[in-house]
Protein backbone atom coordinates (compact mmCIF):
# COMPACT_ATOMS: atom_id res chain seq x y z
CA MET A 1 20.46 -46.02 -27.64
CA GLN A 2 16.93 -47.00 -28.12
CA LYS A 3 17.46 -50.78 -27.22
CA THR A 4 16.47 -50.53 -23.44
CA GLN A 5 13.91 -47.84 -24.17
CA ALA A 6 12.31 -50.13 -26.44
CA ARG A 7 11.96 -52.94 -24.13
CA LYS A 8 10.46 -49.99 -21.36
CA HIS A 9 7.76 -48.97 -23.84
CA SER A 10 6.27 -51.83 -25.44
CA TYR A 11 4.91 -50.85 -29.08
CA SER A 12 1.32 -52.16 -28.09
CA ALA A 13 1.32 -49.72 -25.10
CA SER A 14 2.89 -46.52 -26.73
CA ALA A 15 -0.58 -45.27 -27.46
CA PRO A 16 -2.22 -45.28 -23.97
CA LYS A 17 1.09 -43.79 -22.53
CA ALA A 18 0.98 -41.03 -24.73
CA LYS A 19 -2.38 -40.18 -24.05
CA SER A 20 -1.83 -40.55 -19.94
CA ALA A 21 1.22 -38.30 -20.63
CA ARG A 22 -0.83 -35.49 -21.81
CA LYS A 23 -2.80 -35.61 -18.41
CA THR A 24 0.51 -36.04 -16.32
CA LYS A 25 1.35 -32.70 -15.01
CA THR A 26 5.09 -32.61 -13.85
CA ASP A 27 7.19 -30.02 -12.62
CA TYR A 28 10.50 -31.21 -14.45
CA TYR A 29 12.47 -28.98 -16.63
CA ASP A 30 15.81 -29.76 -18.33
CA TYR A 31 17.67 -26.56 -17.36
CA SER A 32 21.00 -28.24 -17.88
CA LEU A 33 19.84 -28.61 -21.49
CA VAL A 34 18.98 -24.99 -21.88
CA ALA A 35 22.25 -23.90 -20.11
CA ILE A 36 24.42 -25.76 -22.56
CA ILE A 37 22.60 -24.50 -25.43
CA VAL A 38 22.94 -21.13 -24.24
CA LEU A 39 26.74 -21.55 -23.32
CA LEU A 40 27.41 -23.02 -26.90
CA ILE A 41 25.48 -19.91 -28.58
CA CYS A 42 27.31 -17.36 -26.45
CA PHE A 43 30.74 -19.14 -27.07
CA GLY A 44 29.78 -19.19 -30.71
CA LEU A 45 29.15 -15.30 -31.15
CA ILE A 46 32.63 -14.84 -29.15
CA MET A 47 34.34 -16.93 -31.66
CA LEU A 48 32.18 -15.32 -34.34
CA TYR A 49 33.01 -11.94 -33.96
CA SER A 50 36.79 -12.83 -33.43
CA THR A 51 36.46 -14.66 -36.73
CA SER A 52 34.63 -12.18 -38.91
CA ALA A 53 35.58 -8.92 -37.58
CA TYR A 54 38.37 -8.06 -40.07
CA ARG A 55 36.19 -9.63 -42.86
CA ALA A 56 33.36 -7.89 -42.11
CA GLU A 57 35.32 -4.22 -41.67
CA VAL A 58 36.77 -4.83 -45.17
CA ARG A 59 33.67 -6.02 -46.94
CA TYR A 60 30.92 -3.93 -45.10
CA GLY A 61 32.70 -1.17 -43.06
CA ASP A 62 31.33 -2.45 -39.95
CA ASP A 63 33.34 -5.04 -37.83
CA MET A 64 30.25 -6.19 -36.19
CA TYR A 65 28.09 -7.05 -39.14
CA PHE A 66 28.10 -10.82 -38.92
CA PHE A 67 28.22 -10.73 -35.15
CA LYS A 68 25.12 -8.14 -34.82
CA LYS A 69 23.11 -10.60 -37.56
CA GLN A 70 23.90 -13.81 -35.63
CA ALA A 71 23.18 -12.29 -32.38
CA ALA A 72 19.89 -11.05 -33.39
CA ILE A 73 18.53 -14.58 -34.78
CA SER A 74 20.19 -16.38 -31.82
CA ILE A 75 18.16 -14.41 -29.30
CA ALA A 76 14.98 -14.79 -31.03
CA CYS A 77 15.75 -18.94 -31.88
CA ILE A 78 16.15 -19.09 -28.11
CA VAL A 79 12.88 -17.49 -27.13
CA MET A 80 11.31 -19.67 -30.20
CA ALA A 81 12.72 -22.83 -28.60
CA LEU A 82 11.45 -22.08 -24.93
CA PHE A 83 7.98 -21.11 -26.47
CA ILE A 84 7.98 -24.73 -28.39
CA SER A 85 9.16 -26.74 -25.37
CA ARG A 86 5.85 -25.39 -23.68
CA ILE A 87 3.81 -27.00 -26.53
CA ASP A 88 2.93 -30.63 -26.40
CA TYR A 89 4.73 -32.41 -28.55
CA HIS A 90 2.18 -34.73 -29.41
CA ILE A 91 0.58 -32.52 -31.71
CA LEU A 92 2.89 -33.22 -34.09
CA GLU A 93 1.40 -36.56 -34.71
CA HIS A 94 -1.54 -34.78 -36.26
CA PHE A 95 0.86 -32.79 -38.67
CA SER A 96 3.57 -35.28 -39.44
CA ALA A 97 2.32 -36.08 -42.94
CA LEU A 98 1.76 -32.23 -43.79
CA LEU A 99 5.21 -31.38 -42.62
CA TYR A 100 6.76 -34.17 -44.91
CA VAL A 101 4.84 -32.88 -47.94
CA ALA A 102 5.76 -29.48 -47.04
CA ALA A 103 9.20 -30.37 -46.85
CA LEU A 104 9.10 -31.78 -50.40
CA GLY A 105 7.02 -29.09 -51.96
CA LEU A 106 9.50 -26.32 -50.50
CA MET A 107 12.72 -28.15 -51.70
CA ALA A 108 11.21 -28.78 -55.03
CA LEU A 109 10.36 -24.71 -55.41
CA VAL A 110 14.36 -24.20 -55.25
CA LYS A 111 13.94 -25.22 -58.82
CA THR A 112 11.68 -22.41 -59.63
CA PRO A 113 12.06 -18.51 -59.98
CA LEU A 114 11.88 -18.37 -56.02
CA GLY A 115 14.95 -20.11 -55.80
CA LYS A 116 17.94 -18.15 -54.77
CA ALA A 117 21.68 -19.10 -55.83
CA ALA A 118 24.49 -18.31 -53.30
CA ASN A 119 28.35 -19.15 -53.32
CA GLY A 120 27.53 -20.97 -56.80
CA ALA A 121 24.93 -23.12 -55.67
CA GLN A 122 21.20 -22.84 -55.88
CA ARG A 123 19.83 -23.78 -52.34
CA TRP A 124 17.93 -21.17 -50.98
CA LEU A 125 14.25 -20.14 -51.27
CA LYS A 126 13.21 -16.42 -50.88
CA LEU A 127 9.86 -15.95 -49.97
CA GLY A 128 9.23 -12.03 -49.73
CA PRO A 129 11.51 -10.71 -47.15
CA ILE A 130 12.46 -14.49 -45.85
CA GLN A 131 15.17 -16.51 -47.66
CA PHE A 132 15.92 -20.01 -45.98
CA GLN A 133 17.47 -23.59 -47.04
CA PRO A 134 14.38 -25.51 -47.26
CA ALA A 135 16.65 -28.86 -47.14
CA GLU A 136 16.69 -27.89 -43.28
CA ILE A 137 13.07 -28.58 -42.98
CA ALA A 138 13.62 -31.76 -44.45
CA LYS A 139 15.79 -32.87 -41.45
CA ILE A 140 13.04 -32.04 -39.02
CA ALA A 141 10.39 -33.86 -41.10
CA VAL A 142 12.34 -36.83 -41.52
CA ILE A 143 12.85 -37.07 -37.56
CA VAL A 144 8.88 -36.32 -36.87
CA CYS A 145 7.60 -38.63 -39.91
CA LEU A 146 9.55 -41.60 -39.35
CA SER A 147 8.89 -41.35 -35.23
CA TYR A 148 5.08 -41.46 -36.05
CA MET A 149 5.24 -44.24 -38.62
CA ILE A 150 7.69 -46.48 -36.52
CA VAL A 151 5.12 -46.11 -33.30
CA HIS A 152 2.13 -46.85 -35.55
CA MET A 153 3.87 -49.70 -37.30
CA GLY A 154 4.31 -51.47 -33.88
CA LYS A 155 5.67 -54.90 -33.88
CA GLN A 156 5.70 -54.70 -37.86
CA VAL A 157 8.72 -52.75 -37.60
CA ARG A 158 10.59 -55.88 -37.37
CA THR A 159 9.54 -56.95 -40.82
CA LEU A 160 11.60 -56.22 -43.99
CA LYS A 161 8.69 -54.54 -45.34
CA ALA A 162 8.17 -52.07 -42.84
CA CYS A 163 11.98 -51.33 -42.99
CA MET A 164 11.89 -50.90 -46.68
CA VAL A 165 8.82 -48.56 -46.30
CA LEU A 166 10.87 -46.11 -43.81
CA ALA A 167 13.84 -46.36 -45.73
CA GLY A 168 11.79 -45.47 -48.72
CA MET A 169 10.25 -42.42 -46.86
CA GLY A 170 13.59 -41.18 -45.86
CA GLY A 171 15.17 -42.15 -48.91
CA LEU A 172 12.90 -39.80 -50.99
CA LEU A 173 13.46 -36.86 -49.00
CA ALA A 174 17.24 -37.32 -49.22
CA LEU A 175 16.80 -37.80 -53.03
CA ILE A 176 14.79 -34.71 -53.32
CA ALA A 177 16.97 -32.56 -51.10
CA TYR A 178 20.22 -33.79 -53.36
CA VAL A 179 18.08 -33.24 -56.69
CA CYS A 180 16.12 -30.27 -56.09
CA THR A 181 19.09 -28.50 -53.70
CA ASP A 182 21.95 -30.09 -55.14
CA ASN A 183 23.08 -30.67 -51.67
CA LEU A 184 24.69 -33.76 -51.17
CA SER A 185 25.92 -33.34 -47.65
CA THR A 186 22.29 -32.61 -46.47
CA ALA A 187 21.05 -35.62 -48.45
CA ILE A 188 23.64 -38.07 -46.74
CA ILE A 189 22.63 -36.58 -43.02
CA ILE A 190 18.97 -37.07 -43.93
CA PHE A 191 19.66 -40.77 -44.83
CA CYS A 192 21.74 -41.38 -41.98
CA ILE A 193 19.16 -40.05 -39.69
CA THR A 194 16.60 -42.16 -41.61
CA ALA A 195 18.78 -45.54 -41.06
CA GLY A 196 19.57 -44.39 -37.46
CA LEU A 197 15.74 -44.26 -36.22
CA ILE A 198 15.23 -47.85 -38.21
CA PHE A 199 18.18 -49.20 -36.33
CA VAL A 200 17.01 -47.87 -32.97
CA ALA A 201 13.75 -49.13 -33.14
CA HIS A 202 14.52 -52.53 -34.69
CA PRO A 203 15.52 -55.11 -32.32
CA ASP A 204 18.06 -56.96 -34.04
CA THR A 205 21.23 -55.14 -34.34
CA LYS A 206 23.15 -57.66 -36.09
CA ILE A 207 22.19 -57.35 -39.71
CA PHE A 208 22.53 -53.28 -39.37
CA LEU A 209 26.25 -53.72 -38.08
CA ILE A 210 26.78 -56.15 -41.28
CA ILE A 211 25.33 -53.56 -43.60
CA ALA A 212 27.53 -50.70 -41.99
CA GLY A 213 30.36 -52.93 -42.35
CA VAL A 214 29.67 -53.44 -46.03
CA GLY A 215 29.02 -50.21 -46.78
CA ILE A 216 32.21 -48.96 -45.29
CA ALA A 217 34.40 -51.51 -47.13
CA LEU A 218 32.69 -50.67 -50.48
CA ALA A 219 33.46 -46.56 -49.67
CA VAL A 220 37.06 -47.54 -49.01
CA VAL A 221 37.44 -49.71 -52.14
CA THR A 222 35.84 -46.93 -54.27
CA VAL A 223 37.96 -44.29 -52.90
CA ILE A 224 41.25 -46.51 -53.45
CA PHE A 225 39.69 -47.27 -57.15
CA LEU A 226 39.25 -43.68 -57.74
CA ASN A 227 42.75 -42.70 -56.64
CA ALA A 228 44.59 -45.06 -58.95
CA THR A 229 42.71 -44.72 -61.93
CA VAL A 230 41.25 -40.96 -61.83
CA SER A 231 43.06 -37.83 -62.09
CA VAL A 232 41.59 -34.26 -61.22
CA ASP A 233 41.87 -32.81 -64.52
CA SER A 234 40.21 -35.71 -66.24
CA SER A 235 37.41 -36.01 -63.79
CA GLY A 236 33.87 -34.47 -64.76
CA SER A 237 32.51 -34.41 -61.59
CA PHE A 238 33.43 -31.88 -59.17
CA ARG A 239 32.52 -34.30 -56.12
CA ILE A 240 35.02 -36.75 -57.64
CA ARG A 241 37.47 -34.10 -57.65
CA ARG A 242 36.70 -33.12 -53.96
CA ILE A 243 37.60 -36.78 -53.06
CA LEU A 244 40.85 -36.78 -54.94
CA VAL A 245 41.95 -33.30 -53.74
CA TRP A 246 40.97 -34.72 -49.81
CA LEU A 247 43.48 -37.61 -50.53
CA HIS A 248 46.21 -35.06 -51.89
CA PRO A 249 45.53 -31.72 -50.53
CA GLU A 250 49.00 -30.62 -50.59
CA ASP A 251 49.14 -31.27 -54.58
CA PHE A 252 46.35 -28.63 -54.93
CA ALA A 253 47.50 -26.03 -52.44
CA ASP A 254 46.92 -23.22 -54.76
CA ASP A 255 43.46 -24.22 -55.76
CA ALA A 256 40.75 -26.73 -54.79
CA GLY A 257 43.03 -27.60 -51.67
CA TYR A 258 43.99 -24.27 -50.69
CA GLN A 259 41.13 -23.83 -47.77
CA THR A 260 41.86 -27.19 -46.25
CA ILE A 261 45.54 -26.53 -46.48
CA GLN A 262 45.15 -23.19 -44.39
CA ALA A 263 42.64 -24.71 -42.05
CA LEU A 264 45.55 -27.20 -41.28
CA TYR A 265 48.00 -24.22 -40.86
CA ALA A 266 45.75 -22.64 -38.52
CA ILE A 267 45.21 -25.69 -36.04
CA GLY A 268 48.99 -26.27 -36.36
CA SER A 269 50.31 -22.80 -35.63
CA GLY A 270 47.56 -22.83 -32.59
CA GLY A 271 49.69 -25.42 -30.63
CA PHE A 272 48.16 -26.66 -27.44
CA PHE A 273 46.86 -23.30 -26.12
CA GLY A 274 46.58 -21.42 -28.73
CA ARG A 275 47.85 -18.04 -29.96
CA GLY A 276 45.37 -16.14 -27.72
CA LEU A 277 41.73 -14.99 -28.33
CA GLY A 278 41.72 -12.66 -31.38
CA ASN A 279 45.23 -13.42 -32.32
CA SER A 280 44.67 -15.73 -35.20
CA ILE A 281 46.70 -14.77 -38.81
CA GLN A 282 44.81 -17.32 -40.79
CA LYS A 283 41.46 -15.23 -40.51
CA LEU A 284 42.93 -12.36 -42.37
CA GLY A 285 42.01 -13.63 -45.44
CA SER A 286 44.02 -17.04 -45.59
CA VAL A 287 40.93 -19.33 -44.79
CA PRO A 288 37.94 -18.22 -46.99
CA GLU A 289 34.91 -17.54 -45.33
CA ALA A 290 36.15 -18.65 -41.89
CA GLN A 291 33.29 -17.85 -40.09
CA ASN A 292 31.14 -20.34 -41.59
CA ASP A 293 32.18 -24.23 -41.80
CA MET A 294 35.74 -23.59 -41.13
CA ILE A 295 35.30 -21.68 -37.79
CA PHE A 296 36.58 -24.79 -35.94
CA SER A 297 39.88 -24.27 -37.40
CA ILE A 298 40.32 -20.68 -36.07
CA ILE A 299 38.93 -21.79 -32.73
CA CYS A 300 42.25 -24.44 -32.50
CA GLU A 301 44.30 -21.59 -33.73
CA GLU A 302 43.42 -18.84 -31.06
CA LEU A 303 42.59 -21.28 -28.39
CA GLY A 304 44.58 -24.27 -29.34
CA ILE A 305 43.81 -28.10 -28.87
CA PHE A 306 42.94 -27.33 -25.66
CA GLY A 307 40.09 -25.06 -26.83
CA GLY A 308 39.19 -27.56 -29.53
CA ILE A 309 38.90 -30.40 -26.78
CA ILE A 310 36.80 -28.20 -24.40
CA VAL A 311 34.46 -27.47 -27.57
CA LEU A 312 33.93 -31.07 -28.28
CA LEU A 313 33.23 -31.75 -24.55
CA LEU A 314 30.46 -29.18 -24.71
CA TYR A 315 29.16 -31.01 -27.58
CA ALA A 316 29.51 -34.39 -25.60
CA TYR A 317 27.37 -32.84 -22.59
CA LEU A 318 25.00 -31.85 -24.99
CA LEU A 319 24.53 -35.31 -26.79
CA TYR A 320 24.68 -36.65 -23.13
CA ARG A 321 21.43 -34.58 -22.28
CA LEU A 322 19.52 -35.70 -25.30
CA PHE A 323 20.41 -39.22 -24.81
CA PHE A 324 19.04 -38.84 -21.48
CA ILE A 325 15.83 -37.36 -22.35
CA ALA A 326 15.30 -40.13 -25.30
CA GLN A 327 15.91 -43.05 -22.24
CA ASN A 328 13.35 -41.41 -19.94
CA ALA A 329 11.00 -39.81 -22.50
CA PRO A 330 7.06 -41.02 -21.42
CA ASP A 331 6.22 -42.61 -24.75
CA MET A 332 8.04 -44.01 -27.82
CA PHE A 333 7.03 -41.22 -30.36
CA GLY A 334 8.97 -38.78 -27.96
CA SER A 335 11.77 -40.92 -27.44
CA LEU A 336 12.37 -41.54 -31.02
CA MET A 337 11.95 -37.71 -32.00
CA VAL A 338 15.00 -37.11 -29.52
CA SER A 339 16.86 -40.05 -30.59
CA GLY A 340 16.46 -38.57 -34.30
CA ILE A 341 17.60 -35.21 -32.89
CA PHE A 342 20.50 -36.97 -31.03
CA ILE A 343 21.54 -38.39 -34.42
CA HIS A 344 21.14 -35.23 -36.39
CA MET A 345 23.36 -33.25 -33.94
CA ALA A 346 26.04 -36.01 -33.50
CA LEU A 347 26.68 -36.19 -37.43
CA GLN A 348 26.76 -32.63 -38.04
CA VAL A 349 29.33 -32.15 -35.37
CA ILE A 350 31.52 -35.28 -36.47
CA LEU A 351 31.19 -34.17 -40.14
CA ASN A 352 31.98 -30.91 -39.74
CA ILE A 353 35.07 -31.63 -37.66
CA ALA A 354 36.14 -34.43 -39.82
CA VAL A 355 36.25 -31.81 -42.78
CA VAL A 356 38.32 -29.29 -41.26
CA VAL A 357 40.99 -31.79 -39.93
CA ASN A 358 41.02 -33.53 -43.26
CA LEU A 359 39.37 -36.81 -42.36
CA MET A 360 36.83 -36.68 -44.95
CA PRO A 361 36.20 -34.59 -48.37
CA ASN A 362 34.78 -31.17 -47.92
CA THR A 363 31.02 -30.90 -47.41
CA GLY A 364 30.10 -27.34 -46.38
CA ILE A 365 28.30 -28.65 -43.24
CA THR A 366 28.08 -25.99 -40.61
CA LEU A 367 29.30 -26.63 -36.85
CA PRO A 368 26.15 -26.25 -34.75
CA PHE A 369 25.49 -23.12 -32.82
CA ILE A 370 28.93 -21.69 -33.60
CA SER A 371 28.99 -21.59 -37.11
CA TYR A 372 27.73 -18.06 -39.07
CA GLY A 373 24.05 -18.94 -40.67
CA GLY A 374 20.56 -17.97 -39.45
CA THR A 375 18.67 -20.93 -41.20
CA SER A 376 20.99 -23.34 -39.21
CA ILE A 377 20.71 -22.21 -35.93
CA LEU A 378 16.91 -21.52 -36.44
CA PHE A 379 16.06 -25.09 -37.33
CA LEU A 380 18.83 -26.59 -34.84
CA MET A 381 16.96 -24.69 -32.07
CA ALA A 382 13.41 -25.70 -33.16
CA GLU A 383 15.02 -29.39 -32.76
CA MET A 384 15.94 -28.14 -29.24
CA GLY A 385 12.55 -26.79 -28.43
CA LEU A 386 11.23 -30.28 -29.32
CA ALA A 387 13.75 -32.21 -27.24
CA LEU A 388 12.72 -29.81 -24.20
CA SER A 389 9.02 -30.32 -24.72
CA VAL A 390 9.47 -34.16 -24.52
CA ALA A 391 11.73 -33.51 -21.45
CA ARG A 392 8.80 -31.73 -19.77
CA LYS A 393 6.78 -34.99 -19.85
CA ILE A 394 9.24 -36.88 -17.74
CA LYS A 395 8.50 -37.87 -14.45
CA PHE A 396 10.00 -35.99 -12.00
CA GLU A 397 10.97 -39.07 -10.14
CA ASP A 398 12.32 -40.69 -13.33
CA ALA A 399 14.78 -37.69 -13.86
CA LYS A 400 16.63 -37.79 -10.34
């Protein structure tokens, strides 16, 4: 994404352009990005109600329990994103280090009495009436901090030392996310954002392609080895068991592979055009917590493969708008930030859908703007606000 942008905005000129960008008044606003975000949120609320109504009625006596909570936080987050979009994103240059330290500190607090367990994992932080997952802050922190560091490294980013420093900064956040919140999927996303930003900023792509190829080959060899030598009963690690269950979910249909099998049943029974909105059978308890990370399976059951394709096209257009903003940003800092947001969004969509269709082991990653979860949509909308803030600095002539 960023190779042509890197040529357009040289490192040495990034600081002066940032300064001039503050003085440039434009009348451009990316209404297309706002529209696709609102469309995804509205679609998500419709599917959330359809998916969760039965479970909410049984558990809470109110079929709109999940819908009302998600609708309230969604409206508040849209307002928050529009407010953030009116703030000059360059202010983050002064707070990037503070944001990084805050992310580390908040994740460490999860191991204290302030941490709260949910669904068998202690990943939440409760500060008075506020409860959230601090690992989500780390995703924004790694995007902002690394973008700032890359800009100020200038041409030194080409050196091995600079790449190691950047990888170390992002890797530390990923490590703390894994150790303190026991959240491997978030740790992987943080590290992939780190690798993606280094790739975007570095002029030589060949070495990254080689590293990626070696990494994929090692992952394949590891999975084959585990499948041949380790059994689910003998494994002491639940993550290794997840990999083994992923390879043979039908052998564990009554236990660890139950959710995956039921999600695949939902997708298969929907056919091409689906059973019709509200007519899912699997949501009546067969797919556990269907309103969370498995909601895409219910979308496919009710709206069919056609509906699933429409969802993918909506995400593709959202990513296109982020790509456009990154390519036309007035300076390297804004361009790198939106590139990081692009990487995060793409990773989360791909990983969620890959889990639902059993292309990879279960990770518990939500589907952006559609899955139930206040913390997820809060920080995703904060990122969208930052992207809109960068978009406002684009000259109107460049946006045509």
